[in-house]
Protein backbone atom coordinates (compact mmCIF):
# COMPACT_ATOMS: atom_id res chain seq x y z
CA MET A 1 -18.87 53.38 -39.14
CA LYS A 2 -20.18 55.73 -36.26
CA LYS A 3 -20.88 54.37 -33.35
CA GLU A 4 -24.75 55.68 -33.76
CA ASP A 5 -24.54 53.81 -36.40
CA ILE A 6 -24.35 50.56 -34.81
CA LYS A 7 -27.52 49.02 -32.51
CA PHE A 8 -27.95 46.75 -29.56
CA SER A 9 -31.08 44.99 -28.72
CA TYR A 10 -30.43 42.42 -25.26
CA ALA A 11 -34.28 41.27 -26.05
CA PRO A 12 -32.79 37.96 -26.65
CA LEU A 13 -31.67 38.04 -22.97
CA TRP A 14 -34.09 38.98 -21.65
CA LYS A 15 -36.16 36.29 -23.49
CA LEU A 16 -33.83 33.86 -22.00
CA LEU A 17 -34.28 35.43 -18.73
CA ILE A 18 -38.17 35.14 -18.57
CA GLU A 19 -38.20 31.50 -20.30
CA ARG A 20 -35.48 29.85 -17.58
CA ASN A 21 -38.22 31.84 -15.49
CA ILE A 22 -35.44 33.84 -13.75
CA LYS A 23 -35.84 37.21 -12.20
CA LYS A 24 -33.54 40.46 -13.21
CA SER A 25 -32.34 41.09 -9.30
CA GLU A 26 -31.49 36.97 -9.62
CA LEU A 27 -29.93 37.97 -12.41
CA ARG A 28 -27.66 41.22 -10.57
CA ASP A 29 -27.14 38.12 -7.66
CA LEU A 30 -25.52 35.53 -9.62
CA THR A 31 -23.03 38.33 -11.52
CA GLY A 32 -22.64 40.58 -9.71
CA ILE A 33 -23.62 43.32 -11.78
CA ALA A 34 -24.93 47.11 -10.69
CA ALA A 35 -28.29 47.37 -10.93
CA SER A 36 -28.02 50.90 -12.78
CA THR A 37 -25.69 48.77 -16.25
CA PHE A 38 -29.27 46.68 -16.36
CA THR A 39 -30.56 50.47 -16.76
CA LYS A 40 -28.43 51.04 -19.86
CA MET A 41 -28.85 47.84 -21.33
CA ALA A 42 -33.41 48.00 -20.87
CA LYS A 43 -32.70 51.05 -23.07
CA ASN A 44 -30.44 48.86 -25.29
CA GLU A 45 -27.43 51.47 -24.73
CA GLN A 46 -23.89 50.32 -24.94
CA VAL A 47 -22.13 48.23 -22.08
CA SER A 48 -18.74 46.75 -21.55
CA LEU A 49 -18.11 43.46 -23.47
CA ASP A 50 -16.92 42.12 -19.98
CA VAL A 51 -20.96 42.20 -18.44
CA VAL A 52 -21.35 40.61 -21.82
CA ALA A 53 -19.49 37.38 -20.87
CA ARG A 54 -20.20 37.37 -17.12
CA ILE A 55 -24.12 36.89 -18.20
CA SER A 56 -22.99 34.44 -20.34
CA LEU A 57 -20.71 32.47 -18.14
CA ALA A 58 -23.58 32.81 -14.92
CA LEU A 59 -26.25 31.72 -17.79
CA GLN A 60 -23.67 28.95 -19.68
CA CYS A 61 -24.49 30.38 -22.85
CA GLY A 62 -23.35 31.75 -25.80
CA LEU A 63 -22.95 35.65 -26.31
CA ASP A 64 -25.87 36.23 -28.97
CA ASP A 65 -27.97 34.23 -26.61
CA ILE A 66 -27.23 38.15 -24.63
CA VAL A 67 -27.66 41.22 -26.99
CA SER A 68 -28.16 41.39 -31.02
CA ILE A 69 -26.02 44.13 -32.28
CA THR A 70 -27.22 45.73 -36.12
CA LYS A 71 -26.17 48.62 -38.48
């Protein structure tokens, strides 16, 4: 499978933030993740598993609550 065949979506994260009334800037402060990484996520680009794990721990949720991956 080629890298281009994998599609990432962070829509579950954005929905979760809205449901919990958390701003992206607040999440950045909680996790220490750079704004440029959030920009990549807004464009549904791949980020490291470390980033997704830090968000998961900060929000106390599963990885599938943050990102969906499809072919």
